[in-house]
């Protein structure tokens, strides 16, 4: 959700633009404020959807890994993958989240190359490798560190 700080910033930005524009109708400023807050919430949903798309990219990577002739043993033995994280699985099954994505018409289908590049950067990171090896690592800590 949106934090108080984000809401304060949006409010001050709207007030500043209202006073700079010289308009005398506060209803216009109010509409702009609510539109700005709605856009921030839409961005929040969009970023949550990125986690699900990164999980799908990981699933595709795992499928490709099993089709290789000489797969990387470290990745084959990994018991934890990004697409198996509880947060990502729950997000994929949540009907309310799917409704929000449909309502805002949000998807990453046109940016699959970008999602793949982001996933490959995550896959190269030491944090991801350590997470694959460590059975006691917290999902929350890993996801917040991405």
Foldseek 3Di string as FASTA:
>chain_A
DDDPVNLVVLLVVLVVVVVVVPDDDVVVSVVSSVVVVVVVVLVVLLVLQLLLLLLVLFVVVVVVQVVDPDHDPLVVPQPDTSVPDPSNVCCVPDPVSVVSCVVVVHDCVVPNVVSNVVSVVLVPDPLRSVVSVDPPDDPVVSVVVD
